[in-house]
Amino acid sequence: ALERDLVLSERNITVKEYEALLRF
């Protein structure tokens, strides 16, 4: 999603922690 989505790929977004995303 971060690399291929036309909207998100235009932004500088990094994921530092994954636990909450995976848990939710």
PDBML (XML) file of the C-alpha atoms, coordinates in Angstrom:
<?xml version="1.0" encoding="UTF-8" ?>
<PDBx:datablock datablockName="MODEL"
   xmlns:PDBx="http://pdbml.pdb.org/schema/pdbx-v50.xsd"
   xmlns:xsi="http://www.w3.org/2001/XMLSchema-instance"
   xsi:schemaLocation="http://pdbml.pdb.org/schema/pdbx-v50.xsd pdbx-v50.xsd">
   <PDBx:atom_siteCategory>
      <PDBx:atom_site id="1">
         <PDBx:B_iso_or_equiv>0.00</PDBx:B_iso_or_equiv>
         <PDBx:Cartn_x>0.000</PDBx:Cartn_x>
         <PDBx:Cartn_y>0.000</PDBx:Cartn_y>
         <PDBx:Cartn_z>0.000</PDBx:Cartn_z>
         <PDBx:auth_asym_id>A</PDBx:auth_asym_id>
         <PDBx:auth_atom_id>CA</PDBx:auth_atom_id>
         <PDBx:auth_comp_id>ALA</PDBx:auth_comp_id>
         <PDBx:auth_seq_id>1</PDBx:auth_seq_id>
         <PDBx:group_PDB>ATOM</PDBx:group_PDB>
         <PDBx:label_alt_id xsi:nil="true" />
         <PDBx:label_asym_id>A</PDBx:label_asym_id>
         <PDBx:label_atom_id>CA</PDBx:label_atom_id>
         <PDBx:label_comp_id>ALA</PDBx:label_comp_id>
         <PDBx:label_entity_id>1</PDBx:label_entity_id>
         <PDBx:label_seq_id>1</PDBx:label_seq_id>
         <PDBx:occupancy>1.00</PDBx:occupancy>
         <PDBx:pdbx_PDB_model_num>1</PDBx:pdbx_PDB_model_num>
         <PDBx:type_symbol>C</PDBx:type_symbol>
      </PDBx:atom_site>
      <PDBx:atom_site id="2">
         <PDBx:B_iso_or_equiv>0.00</PDBx:B_iso_or_equiv>
         <PDBx:Cartn_x>2.736</PDBx:Cartn_x>
         <PDBx:Cartn_y>2.476</PDBx:Cartn_y>
         <PDBx:Cartn_z>0.933</PDBx:Cartn_z>
         <PDBx:auth_asym_id>A</PDBx:auth_asym_id>
         <PDBx:auth_atom_id>CA</PDBx:auth_atom_id>
         <PDBx:auth_comp_id>LEU</PDBx:auth_comp_id>
         <PDBx:auth_seq_id>2</PDBx:auth_seq_id>
         <PDBx:group_PDB>ATOM</PDBx:group_PDB>
         <PDBx:label_alt_id xsi:nil="true" />
         <PDBx:label_asym_id>A</PDBx:label_asym_id>
         <PDBx:label_atom_id>CA</PDBx:label_atom_id>
         <PDBx:label_comp_id>LEU</PDBx:label_comp_id>
         <PDBx:label_entity_id>1</PDBx:label_entity_id>
         <PDBx:label_seq_id>2</PDBx:label_seq_id>
         <PDBx:occupancy>1.00</PDBx:occupancy>
         <PDBx:pdbx_PDB_model_num>1</PDBx:pdbx_PDB_model_num>
         <PDBx:type_symbol>C</PDBx:type_symbol>
      </PDBx:atom_site>
      <PDBx:atom_site id="3">
         <PDBx:B_iso_or_equiv>0.00</PDBx:B_iso_or_equiv>
         <PDBx:Cartn_x>4.740</PDBx:Cartn_x>
         <PDBx:Cartn_y>1.792</PDBx:Cartn_y>
         <PDBx:Cartn_z>-2.224</PDBx:Cartn_z>
         <PDBx:auth_asym_id>A</PDBx:auth_asym_id>
         <PDBx:auth_atom_id>CA</PDBx:auth_atom_id>
         <PDBx:auth_comp_id>GLU</PDBx:auth_comp_id>
         <PDBx:auth_seq_id>3</PDBx:auth_seq_id>
         <PDBx:group_PDB>ATOM</PDBx:group_PDB>
         <PDBx:label_alt_id xsi:nil="true" />
         <PDBx:label_asym_id>A</PDBx:label_asym_id>
         <PDBx:label_atom_id>CA</PDBx:label_atom_id>
         <PDBx:label_comp_id>GLU</PDBx:label_comp_id>
         <PDBx:label_entity_id>1</PDBx:label_entity_id>
         <PDBx:label_seq_id>3</PDBx:label_seq_id>
         <PDBx:occupancy>1.00</PDBx:occupancy>
         <PDBx:pdbx_PDB_model_num>1</PDBx:pdbx_PDB_model_num>
         <PDBx:type_symbol>C</PDBx:type_symbol>
      </PDBx:atom_site>
      <PDBx:atom_site id="4">
         <PDBx:B_iso_or_equiv>0.00</PDBx:B_iso_or_equiv>
         <PDBx:Cartn_x>2.053</PDBx:Cartn_x>
         <PDBx:Cartn_y>1.349</PDBx:Cartn_y>
         <PDBx:Cartn_z>-4.901</PDBx:Cartn_z>
         <PDBx:auth_asym_id>A</PDBx:auth_asym_id>
         <PDBx:auth_atom_id>CA</PDBx:auth_atom_id>
         <PDBx:auth_comp_id>ARG</PDBx:auth_comp_id>
         <PDBx:auth_seq_id>4</PDBx:auth_seq_id>
         <PDBx:group_PDB>ATOM</PDBx:group_PDB>
         <PDBx:label_alt_id xsi:nil="true" />
         <PDBx:label_asym_id>A</PDBx:label_asym_id>
         <PDBx:label_atom_id>CA</PDBx:label_atom_id>
         <PDBx:label_comp_id>ARG</PDBx:label_comp_id>
         <PDBx:label_entity_id>1</PDBx:label_entity_id>
         <PDBx:label_seq_id>4</PDBx:label_seq_id>
         <PDBx:occupancy>1.00</PDBx:occupancy>
         <PDBx:pdbx_PDB_model_num>1</PDBx:pdbx_PDB_model_num>
         <PDBx:type_symbol>C</PDBx:type_symbol>
      </PDBx:atom_site>
      <PDBx:atom_site id="5">
         <PDBx:B_iso_or_equiv>0.00</PDBx:B_iso_or_equiv>
         <PDBx:Cartn_x>-0.959</PDBx:Cartn_x>
         <PDBx:Cartn_y>3.421</PDBx:Cartn_y>
         <PDBx:Cartn_z>-3.918</PDBx:Cartn_z>
         <PDBx:auth_asym_id>A</PDBx:auth_asym_id>
         <PDBx:auth_atom_id>CA</PDBx:auth_atom_id>
         <PDBx:auth_comp_id>ASP</PDBx:auth_comp_id>
         <PDBx:auth_seq_id>5</PDBx:auth_seq_id>
         <PDBx:group_PDB>ATOM</PDBx:group_PDB>
         <PDBx:label_alt_id xsi:nil="true" />
         <PDBx:label_asym_id>A</PDBx:label_asym_id>
         <PDBx:label_atom_id>CA</PDBx:label_atom_id>
         <PDBx:label_comp_id>ASP</PDBx:label_comp_id>
         <PDBx:label_entity_id>1</PDBx:label_entity_id>
         <PDBx:label_seq_id>5</PDBx:label_seq_id>
         <PDBx:occupancy>1.00</PDBx:occupancy>
         <PDBx:pdbx_PDB_model_num>1</PDBx:pdbx_PDB_model_num>
         <PDBx:type_symbol>C</PDBx:type_symbol>
      </PDBx:atom_site>
      <PDBx:atom_site id="6">
         <PDBx:B_iso_or_equiv>0.00</PDBx:B_iso_or_equiv>
         <PDBx:Cartn_x>-1.007</PDBx:Cartn_x>
         <PDBx:Cartn_y>6.593</PDBx:Cartn_y>
         <PDBx:Cartn_z>-6.001</PDBx:Cartn_z>
         <PDBx:auth_asym_id>A</PDBx:auth_asym_id>
         <PDBx:auth_atom_id>CA</PDBx:auth_atom_id>
         <PDBx:auth_comp_id>LEU</PDBx:auth_comp_id>
         <PDBx:auth_seq_id>6</PDBx:auth_seq_id>
         <PDBx:group_PDB>ATOM</PDBx:group_PDB>
         <PDBx:label_alt_id xsi:nil="true" />
         <PDBx:label_asym_id>A</PDBx:label_asym_id>
         <PDBx:label_atom_id>CA</PDBx:label_atom_id>
         <PDBx:label_comp_id>LEU</PDBx:label_comp_id>
         <PDBx:label_entity_id>1</PDBx:label_entity_id>
         <PDBx:label_seq_id>6</PDBx:label_seq_id>
         <PDBx:occupancy>1.00</PDBx:occupancy>
         <PDBx:pdbx_PDB_model_num>1</PDBx:pdbx_PDB_model_num>
         <PDBx:type_symbol>C</PDBx:type_symbol>
      </PDBx:atom_site>
      <PDBx:atom_site id="7">
         <PDBx:B_iso_or_equiv>0.00</PDBx:B_iso_or_equiv>
         <PDBx:Cartn_x>-1.815</PDBx:Cartn_x>
         <PDBx:Cartn_y>8.764</PDBx:Cartn_y>
         <PDBx:Cartn_z>-2.974</PDBx:Cartn_z>
         <PDBx:auth_asym_id>A</PDBx:auth_asym_id>
         <PDBx:auth_atom_id>CA</PDBx:auth_atom_id>
         <PDBx:auth_comp_id>VAL</PDBx:auth_comp_id>
         <PDBx:auth_seq_id>7</PDBx:auth_seq_id>
         <PDBx:group_PDB>ATOM</PDBx:group_PDB>
         <PDBx:label_alt_id xsi:nil="true" />
         <PDBx:label_asym_id>A</PDBx:label_asym_id>
         <PDBx:label_atom_id>CA</PDBx:label_atom_id>
         <PDBx:label_comp_id>VAL</PDBx:label_comp_id>
         <PDBx:label_entity_id>1</PDBx:label_entity_id>
         <PDBx:label_seq_id>7</PDBx:label_seq_id>
         <PDBx:occupancy>1.00</PDBx:occupancy>
         <PDBx:pdbx_PDB_model_num>1</PDBx:pdbx_PDB_model_num>
         <PDBx:type_symbol>C</PDBx:type_symbol>
      </PDBx:atom_site>
      <PDBx:atom_site id="8">
         <PDBx:B_iso_or_equiv>0.00</PDBx:B_iso_or_equiv>
         <PDBx:Cartn_x>0.349</PDBx:Cartn_x>
         <PDBx:Cartn_y>7.216</PDBx:Cartn_y>
         <PDBx:Cartn_z>-0.242</PDBx:Cartn_z>
         <PDBx:auth_asym_id>A</PDBx:auth_asym_id>
         <PDBx:auth_atom_id>CA</PDBx:auth_atom_id>
         <PDBx:auth_comp_id>LEU</PDBx:auth_comp_id>
         <PDBx:auth_seq_id>8</PDBx:auth_seq_id>
         <PDBx:group_PDB>ATOM</PDBx:group_PDB>
         <PDBx:label_alt_id xsi:nil="true" />
         <PDBx:label_asym_id>A</PDBx:label_asym_id>
         <PDBx:label_atom_id>CA</PDBx:label_atom_id>
         <PDBx:label_comp_id>LEU</PDBx:label_comp_id>
         <PDBx:label_entity_id>1</PDBx:label_entity_id>
         <PDBx:label_seq_id>8</PDBx:label_seq_id>
         <PDBx:occupancy>1.00</PDBx:occupancy>
         <PDBx:pdbx_PDB_model_num>1</PDBx:pdbx_PDB_model_num>
         <PDBx:type_symbol>C</PDBx:type_symbol>
      </PDBx:atom_site>
      <PDBx:atom_site id="9">
         <PDBx:B_iso_or_equiv>0.00</PDBx:B_iso_or_equiv>
         <PDBx:Cartn_x>3.367</PDBx:Cartn_x>
         <PDBx:Cartn_y>6.676</PDBx:Cartn_y>
         <PDBx:Cartn_z>-2.487</PDBx:Cartn_z>
         <PDBx:auth_asym_id>A</PDBx:auth_asym_id>
         <PDBx:auth_atom_id>CA</PDBx:auth_atom_id>
         <PDBx:auth_comp_id>SER</PDBx:auth_comp_id>
         <PDBx:auth_seq_id>9</PDBx:auth_seq_id>
         <PDBx:group_PDB>ATOM</PDBx:group_PDB>
         <PDBx:label_alt_id xsi:nil="true" />
         <PDBx:label_asym_id>A</PDBx:label_asym_id>
         <PDBx:label_atom_id>CA</PDBx:label_atom_id>
         <PDBx:label_comp_id>SER</PDBx:label_comp_id>
         <PDBx:label_entity_id>1</PDBx:label_entity_id>
         <PDBx:label_seq_id>9</PDBx:label_seq_id>
         <PDBx:occupancy>1.00</PDBx:occupancy>
         <PDBx:pdbx_PDB_model_num>1</PDBx:pdbx_PDB_model_num>
         <PDBx:type_symbol>C</PDBx:type_symbol>
      </PDBx:atom_site>
      <PDBx:atom_site id="10">
         <PDBx:B_iso_or_equiv>0.00</PDBx:B_iso_or_equiv>
         <PDBx:Cartn_x>3.562</PDBx:Cartn_x>
         <PDBx:Cartn_y>10.464</PDBx:Cartn_y>
         <PDBx:Cartn_z>-2.988</PDBx:Cartn_z>
         <PDBx:auth_asym_id>A</PDBx:auth_asym_id>
         <PDBx:auth_atom_id>CA</PDBx:auth_atom_id>
         <PDBx:auth_comp_id>GLU</PDBx:auth_comp_id>
         <PDBx:auth_seq_id>10</PDBx:auth_seq_id>
         <PDBx:group_PDB>ATOM</PDBx:group_PDB>
         <PDBx:label_alt_id xsi:nil="true" />
         <PDBx:label_asym_id>A</PDBx:label_asym_id>
         <PDBx:label_atom_id>CA</PDBx:label_atom_id>
         <PDBx:label_comp_id>GLU</PDBx:label_comp_id>
         <PDBx:label_entity_id>1</PDBx:label_entity_id>
         <PDBx:label_seq_id>10</PDBx:label_seq_id>
         <PDBx:occupancy>1.00</PDBx:occupancy>
         <PDBx:pdbx_PDB_model_num>1</PDBx:pdbx_PDB_model_num>
         <PDBx:type_symbol>C</PDBx:type_symbol>
      </PDBx:atom_site>
      <PDBx:atom_site id="11">
         <PDBx:B_iso_or_equiv>0.00</PDBx:B_iso_or_equiv>
         <PDBx:Cartn_x>4.050</PDBx:Cartn_x>
         <PDBx:Cartn_y>10.982</PDBx:Cartn_y>
         <PDBx:Cartn_z>0.734</PDBx:Cartn_z>
         <PDBx:auth_asym_id>A</PDBx:auth_asym_id>
         <PDBx:auth_atom_id>CA</PDBx:auth_atom_id>
         <PDBx:auth_comp_id>ARG</PDBx:auth_comp_id>
         <PDBx:auth_seq_id>11</PDBx:auth_seq_id>
         <PDBx:group_PDB>ATOM</PDBx:group_PDB>
         <PDBx:label_alt_id xsi:nil="true" />
         <PDBx:label_asym_id>A</PDBx:label_asym_id>
         <PDBx:label_atom_id>CA</PDBx:label_atom_id>
         <PDBx:label_comp_id>ARG</PDBx:label_comp_id>
         <PDBx:label_entity_id>1</PDBx:label_entity_id>
         <PDBx:label_seq_id>11</PDBx:label_seq_id>
         <PDBx:occupancy>1.00</PDBx:occupancy>
         <PDBx:pdbx_PDB_model_num>1</PDBx:pdbx_PDB_model_num>
         <PDBx:type_symbol>C</PDBx:type_symbol>
      </PDBx:atom_site>
      <PDBx:atom_site id="12">
         <PDBx:B_iso_or_equiv>0.00</PDBx:B_iso_or_equiv>
         <PDBx:Cartn_x>7.052</PDBx:Cartn_x>
         <PDBx:Cartn_y>10.240</PDBx:Cartn_y>
         <PDBx:Cartn_z>2.937</PDBx:Cartn_z>
         <PDBx:auth_asym_id>A</PDBx:auth_asym_id>
         <PDBx:auth_atom_id>CA</PDBx:auth_atom_id>
         <PDBx:auth_comp_id>ASN</PDBx:auth_comp_id>
         <PDBx:auth_seq_id>12</PDBx:auth_seq_id>
         <PDBx:group_PDB>ATOM</PDBx:group_PDB>
         <PDBx:label_alt_id xsi:nil="true" />
         <PDBx:label_asym_id>A</PDBx:label_asym_id>
         <PDBx:label_atom_id>CA</PDBx:label_atom_id>
         <PDBx:label_comp_id>ASN</PDBx:label_comp_id>
         <PDBx:label_entity_id>1</PDBx:label_entity_id>
         <PDBx:label_seq_id>12</PDBx:label_seq_id>
         <PDBx:occupancy>1.00</PDBx:occupancy>
         <PDBx:pdbx_PDB_model_num>1</PDBx:pdbx_PDB_model_num>
         <PDBx:type_symbol>C</PDBx:type_symbol>
      </PDBx:atom_site>
      <PDBx:atom_site id="13">
         <PDBx:B_iso_or_equiv>0.00</PDBx:B_iso_or_equiv>
         <PDBx:Cartn_x>5.531</PDBx:Cartn_x>
         <PDBx:Cartn_y>7.636</PDBx:Cartn_y>
         <PDBx:Cartn_z>5.274</PDBx:Cartn_z>
         <PDBx:auth_asym_id>A</PDBx:auth_asym_id>
         <PDBx:auth_atom_id>CA</PDBx:auth_atom_id>
         <PDBx:auth_comp_id>ILE</PDBx:auth_comp_id>
         <PDBx:auth_seq_id>13</PDBx:auth_seq_id>
         <PDBx:group_PDB>ATOM</PDBx:group_PDB>
         <PDBx:label_alt_id xsi:nil="true" />
         <PDBx:label_asym_id>A</PDBx:label_asym_id>
         <PDBx:label_atom_id>CA</PDBx:label_atom_id>
         <PDBx:label_comp_id>ILE</PDBx:label_comp_id>
         <PDBx:label_entity_id>1</PDBx:label_entity_id>
         <PDBx:label_seq_id>13</PDBx:label_seq_id>
         <PDBx:occupancy>1.00</PDBx:occupancy>
         <PDBx:pdbx_PDB_model_num>1</PDBx:pdbx_PDB_model_num>
         <PDBx:type_symbol>C</PDBx:type_symbol>
      </PDBx:atom_site>
      <PDBx:atom_site id="14">
         <PDBx:B_iso_or_equiv>0.00</PDBx:B_iso_or_equiv>
         <PDBx:Cartn_x>7.547</PDBx:Cartn_x>
         <PDBx:Cartn_y>5.155</PDBx:Cartn_y>
         <PDBx:Cartn_z>7.321</PDBx:Cartn_z>
         <PDBx:auth_asym_id>A</PDBx:auth_asym_id>
         <PDBx:auth_atom_id>CA</PDBx:auth_atom_id>
         <PDBx:auth_comp_id>THR</PDBx:auth_comp_id>
         <PDBx:auth_seq_id>14</PDBx:auth_seq_id>
         <PDBx:group_PDB>ATOM</PDBx:group_PDB>
         <PDBx:label_alt_id xsi:nil="true" />
         <PDBx:label_asym_id>A</PDBx:label_asym_id>
         <PDBx:label_atom_id>CA</PDBx:label_atom_id>
         <PDBx:label_comp_id>THR</PDBx:label_comp_id>
         <PDBx:label_entity_id>1</PDBx:label_entity_id>
         <PDBx:label_seq_id>14</PDBx:label_seq_id>
         <PDBx:occupancy>1.00</PDBx:occupancy>
         <PDBx:pdbx_PDB_model_num>1</PDBx:pdbx_PDB_model_num>
         <PDBx:type_symbol>C</PDBx:type_symbol>
      </PDBx:atom_site>
      <PDBx:atom_site id="15">
         <PDBx:B_iso_or_equiv>0.00</PDBx:B_iso_or_equiv>
         <PDBx:Cartn_x>6.420</PDBx:Cartn_x>
         <PDBx:Cartn_y>2.504</PDBx:Cartn_y>
         <PDBx:Cartn_z>9.756</PDBx:Cartn_z>
         <PDBx:auth_asym_id>A</PDBx:auth_asym_id>
         <PDBx:auth_atom_id>CA</PDBx:auth_atom_id>
         <PDBx:auth_comp_id>VAL</PDBx:auth_comp_id>
         <PDBx:auth_seq_id>15</PDBx:auth_seq_id>
         <PDBx:group_PDB>ATOM</PDBx:group_PDB>
         <PDBx:label_alt_id xsi:nil="true" />
         <PDBx:label_asym_id>A</PDBx:label_asym_id>
         <PDBx:label_atom_id>CA</PDBx:label_atom_id>
         <PDBx:label_comp_id>VAL</PDBx:label_comp_id>
         <PDBx:label_entity_id>1</PDBx:label_entity_id>
         <PDBx:label_seq_id>15</PDBx:label_seq_id>
         <PDBx:occupancy>1.00</PDBx:occupancy>
         <PDBx:pdbx_PDB_model_num>1</PDBx:pdbx_PDB_model_num>
         <PDBx:type_symbol>C</PDBx:type_symbol>
      </PDBx:atom_site>
      <PDBx:atom_site id="16">
         <PDBx:B_iso_or_equiv>0.00</PDBx:B_iso_or_equiv>
         <PDBx:Cartn_x>8.439</PDBx:Cartn_x>
         <PDBx:Cartn_y>2.432</PDBx:Cartn_y>
         <PDBx:Cartn_z>12.952</PDBx:Cartn_z>
         <PDBx:auth_asym_id>A</PDBx:auth_asym_id>
         <PDBx:auth_atom_id>CA</PDBx:auth_atom_id>
         <PDBx:auth_comp_id>LYS</PDBx:auth_comp_id>
         <PDBx:auth_seq_id>16</PDBx:auth_seq_id>
         <PDBx:group_PDB>ATOM</PDBx:group_PDB>
         <PDBx:label_alt_id xsi:nil="true" />
         <PDBx:label_asym_id>A</PDBx:label_asym_id>
         <PDBx:label_atom_id>CA</PDBx:label_atom_id>
         <PDBx:label_comp_id>LYS</PDBx:label_comp_id>
         <PDBx:label_entity_id>1</PDBx:label_entity_id>
         <PDBx:label_seq_id>16</PDBx:label_seq_id>
         <PDBx:occupancy>1.00</PDBx:occupancy>
         <PDBx:pdbx_PDB_model_num>1</PDBx:pdbx_PDB_model_num>
         <PDBx:type_symbol>C</PDBx:type_symbol>
      </PDBx:atom_site>
      <PDBx:atom_site id="17">
         <PDBx:B_iso_or_equiv>0.00</PDBx:B_iso_or_equiv>
         <PDBx:Cartn_x>6.246</PDBx:Cartn_x>
         <PDBx:Cartn_y>0.014</PDBx:Cartn_y>
         <PDBx:Cartn_z>14.950</PDBx:Cartn_z>
         <PDBx:auth_asym_id>A</PDBx:auth_asym_id>
         <PDBx:auth_atom_id>CA</PDBx:auth_atom_id>
         <PDBx:auth_comp_id>GLU</PDBx:auth_comp_id>
         <PDBx:auth_seq_id>17</PDBx:auth_seq_id>
         <PDBx:group_PDB>ATOM</PDBx:group_PDB>
         <PDBx:label_alt_id xsi:nil="true" />
         <PDBx:label_asym_id>A</PDBx:label_asym_id>
         <PDBx:label_atom_id>CA</PDBx:label_atom_id>
         <PDBx:label_comp_id>GLU</PDBx:label_comp_id>
         <PDBx:label_entity_id>1</PDBx:label_entity_id>
         <PDBx:label_seq_id>17</PDBx:label_seq_id>
         <PDBx:occupancy>1.00</PDBx:occupancy>
         <PDBx:pdbx_PDB_model_num>1</PDBx:pdbx_PDB_model_num>
         <PDBx:type_symbol>C</PDBx:type_symbol>
      </PDBx:atom_site>
      <PDBx:atom_site id="18">
         <PDBx:B_iso_or_equiv>0.00</PDBx:B_iso_or_equiv>
         <PDBx:Cartn_x>3.917</PDBx:Cartn_x>
         <PDBx:Cartn_y>-2.677</PDBx:Cartn_y>
         <PDBx:Cartn_z>13.647</PDBx:Cartn_z>
         <PDBx:auth_asym_id>A</PDBx:auth_asym_id>
         <PDBx:auth_atom_id>CA</PDBx:auth_atom_id>
         <PDBx:auth_comp_id>TYR</PDBx:auth_comp_id>
         <PDBx:auth_seq_id>18</PDBx:auth_seq_id>
         <PDBx:group_PDB>ATOM</PDBx:group_PDB>
         <PDBx:label_alt_id xsi:nil="true" />
         <PDBx:label_asym_id>A</PDBx:label_asym_id>
         <PDBx:label_atom_id>CA</PDBx:label_atom_id>
         <PDBx:label_comp_id>TYR</PDBx:label_comp_id>
         <PDBx:label_entity_id>1</PDBx:label_entity_id>
         <PDBx:label_seq_id>18</PDBx:label_seq_id>
         <PDBx:occupancy>1.00</PDBx:occupancy>
         <PDBx:pdbx_PDB_model_num>1</PDBx:pdbx_PDB_model_num>
         <PDBx:type_symbol>C</PDBx:type_symbol>
      </PDBx:atom_site>
      <PDBx:atom_site id="19">
         <PDBx:B_iso_or_equiv>0.00</PDBx:B_iso_or_equiv>
         <PDBx:Cartn_x>2.321</PDBx:Cartn_x>
         <PDBx:Cartn_y>-4.236</PDBx:Cartn_y>
         <PDBx:Cartn_z>16.734</PDBx:Cartn_z>
         <PDBx:auth_asym_id>A</PDBx:auth_asym_id>
         <PDBx:auth_atom_id>CA</PDBx:auth_atom_id>
         <PDBx:auth_comp_id>GLU</PDBx:auth_comp_id>
         <PDBx:auth_seq_id>19</PDBx:auth_seq_id>
         <PDBx:group_PDB>ATOM</PDBx:group_PDB>
         <PDBx:label_alt_id xsi:nil="true" />
         <PDBx:label_asym_id>A</PDBx:label_asym_id>
         <PDBx:label_atom_id>CA</PDBx:label_atom_id>
         <PDBx:label_comp_id>GLU</PDBx:label_comp_id>
         <PDBx:label_entity_id>1</PDBx:label_entity_id>
         <PDBx:label_seq_id>19</PDBx:label_seq_id>
         <PDBx:occupancy>1.00</PDBx:occupancy>
         <PDBx:pdbx_PDB_model_num>1</PDBx:pdbx_PDB_model_num>
         <PDBx:type_symbol>C</PDBx:type_symbol>
      </PDBx:atom_site>
      <PDBx:atom_site id="20">
         <PDBx:B_iso_or_equiv>0.00</PDBx:B_iso_or_equiv>
         <PDBx:Cartn_x>-0.749</PDBx:Cartn_x>
         <PDBx:Cartn_y>-1.992</PDBx:Cartn_y>
         <PDBx:Cartn_z>16.965</PDBx:Cartn_z>
         <PDBx:auth_asym_id>A</PDBx:auth_asym_id>
         <PDBx:auth_atom_id>CA</PDBx:auth_atom_id>
         <PDBx:auth_comp_id>ALA</PDBx:auth_comp_id>
         <PDBx:auth_seq_id>20</PDBx:auth_seq_id>
         <PDBx:group_PDB>ATOM</PDBx:group_PDB>
         <PDBx:label_alt_id xsi:nil="true" />
         <PDBx:label_asym_id>A</PDBx:label_asym_id>
         <PDBx:label_atom_id>CA</PDBx:label_atom_id>
         <PDBx:label_comp_id>ALA</PDBx:label_comp_id>
         <PDBx:label_entity_id>1</PDBx:label_entity_id>
         <PDBx:label_seq_id>20</PDBx:label_seq_id>
         <PDBx:occupancy>1.00</PDBx:occupancy>
         <PDBx:pdbx_PDB_model_num>1</PDBx:pdbx_PDB_model_num>
         <PDBx:type_symbol>C</PDBx:type_symbol>
      </PDBx:atom_site>
      <PDBx:atom_site id="21">
         <PDBx:B_iso_or_equiv>0.00</PDBx:B_iso_or_equiv>
         <PDBx:Cartn_x>-1.485</PDBx:Cartn_x>
         <PDBx:Cartn_y>-2.181</PDBx:Cartn_y>
         <PDBx:Cartn_z>13.241</PDBx:Cartn_z>
         <PDBx:auth_asym_id>A</PDBx:auth_asym_id>
         <PDBx:auth_atom_id>CA</PDBx:auth_atom_id>
         <PDBx:auth_comp_id>LEU</PDBx:auth_comp_id>
         <PDBx:auth_seq_id>21</PDBx:auth_seq_id>
         <PDBx:group_PDB>ATOM</PDBx:group_PDB>
         <PDBx:label_alt_id xsi:nil="true" />
         <PDBx:label_asym_id>A</PDBx:label_asym_id>
         <PDBx:label_atom_id>CA</PDBx:label_atom_id>
         <PDBx:label_comp_id>LEU</PDBx:label_comp_id>
         <PDBx:label_entity_id>1</PDBx:label_entity_id>
         <PDBx:label_seq_id>21</PDBx:label_seq_id>
         <PDBx:occupancy>1.00</PDBx:occupancy>
         <PDBx:pdbx_PDB_model_num>1</PDBx:pdbx_PDB_model_num>
         <PDBx:type_symbol>C</PDBx:type_symbol>
      </PDBx:atom_site>
      <PDBx:atom_site id="22">
         <PDBx:B_iso_or_equiv>0.00</PDBx:B_iso_or_equiv>
         <PDBx:Cartn_x>-1.330</PDBx:Cartn_x>
         <PDBx:Cartn_y>-5.964</PDBx:Cartn_y>
         <PDBx:Cartn_z>13.287</PDBx:Cartn_z>
         <PDBx:auth_asym_id>A</PDBx:auth_asym_id>
         <PDBx:auth_atom_id>CA</PDBx:auth_atom_id>
         <PDBx:auth_comp_id>LEU</PDBx:auth_comp_id>
         <PDBx:auth_seq_id>22</PDBx:auth_seq_id>
         <PDBx:group_PDB>ATOM</PDBx:group_PDB>
         <PDBx:label_alt_id xsi:nil="true" />
         <PDBx:label_asym_id>A</PDBx:label_asym_id>
         <PDBx:label_atom_id>CA</PDBx:label_atom_id>
         <PDBx:label_comp_id>LEU</PDBx:label_comp_id>
         <PDBx:label_entity_id>1</PDBx:label_entity_id>
         <PDBx:label_seq_id>22</PDBx:label_seq_id>
         <PDBx:occupancy>1.00</PDBx:occupancy>
         <PDBx:pdbx_PDB_model_num>1</PDBx:pdbx_PDB_model_num>
         <PDBx:type_symbol>C</PDBx:type_symbol>
      </PDBx:atom_site>
      <PDBx:atom_site id="23">
         <PDBx:B_iso_or_equiv>0.00</PDBx:B_iso_or_equiv>
         <PDBx:Cartn_x>-3.296</PDBx:Cartn_x>
         <PDBx:Cartn_y>-6.268</PDBx:Cartn_y>
         <PDBx:Cartn_z>16.513</PDBx:Cartn_z>
         <PDBx:auth_asym_id>A</PDBx:auth_asym_id>
         <PDBx:auth_atom_id>CA</PDBx:auth_atom_id>
         <PDBx:auth_comp_id>ARG</PDBx:auth_comp_id>
         <PDBx:auth_seq_id>23</PDBx:auth_seq_id>
         <PDBx:group_PDB>ATOM</PDBx:group_PDB>
         <PDBx:label_alt_id xsi:nil="true" />
         <PDBx:label_asym_id>A</PDBx:label_asym_id>
         <PDBx:label_atom_id>CA</PDBx:label_atom_id>
         <PDBx:label_comp_id>ARG</PDBx:label_comp_id>
         <PDBx:label_entity_id>1</PDBx:label_entity_id>
         <PDBx:label_seq_id>23</PDBx:label_seq_id>
         <PDBx:occupancy>1.00</PDBx:occupancy>
         <PDBx:pdbx_PDB_model_num>1</PDBx:pdbx_PDB_model_num>
         <PDBx:type_symbol>C</PDBx:type_symbol>
      </PDBx:atom_site>
      <PDBx:atom_site id="24">
         <PDBx:B_iso_or_equiv>0.00</PDBx:B_iso_or_equiv>
         <PDBx:Cartn_x>-6.101</PDBx:Cartn_x>
         <PDBx:Cartn_y>-3.958</PDBx:Cartn_y>
         <PDBx:Cartn_z>15.453</PDBx:Cartn_z>
         <PDBx:auth_asym_id>A</PDBx:auth_asym_id>
         <PDBx:auth_atom_id>CA</PDBx:auth_atom_id>
         <PDBx:auth_comp_id>PHE</PDBx:auth_comp_id>
         <PDBx:auth_seq_id>24</PDBx:auth_seq_id>
         <PDBx:group_PDB>ATOM</PDBx:group_PDB>
         <PDBx:label_alt_id xsi:nil="true" />
         <PDBx:label_asym_id>A</PDBx:label_asym_id>
         <PDBx:label_atom_id>CA</PDBx:label_atom_id>
         <PDBx:label_comp_id>PHE</PDBx:label_comp_id>
         <PDBx:label_entity_id>1</PDBx:label_entity_id>
         <PDBx:label_seq_id>24</PDBx:label_seq_id>
         <PDBx:occupancy>1.00</PDBx:occupancy>
         <PDBx:pdbx_PDB_model_num>1</PDBx:pdbx_PDB_model_num>
         <PDBx:type_symbol>C</PDBx:type_symbol>
      </PDBx:atom_site>
   </PDBx:atom_siteCategory>
</PDBx:datablock>
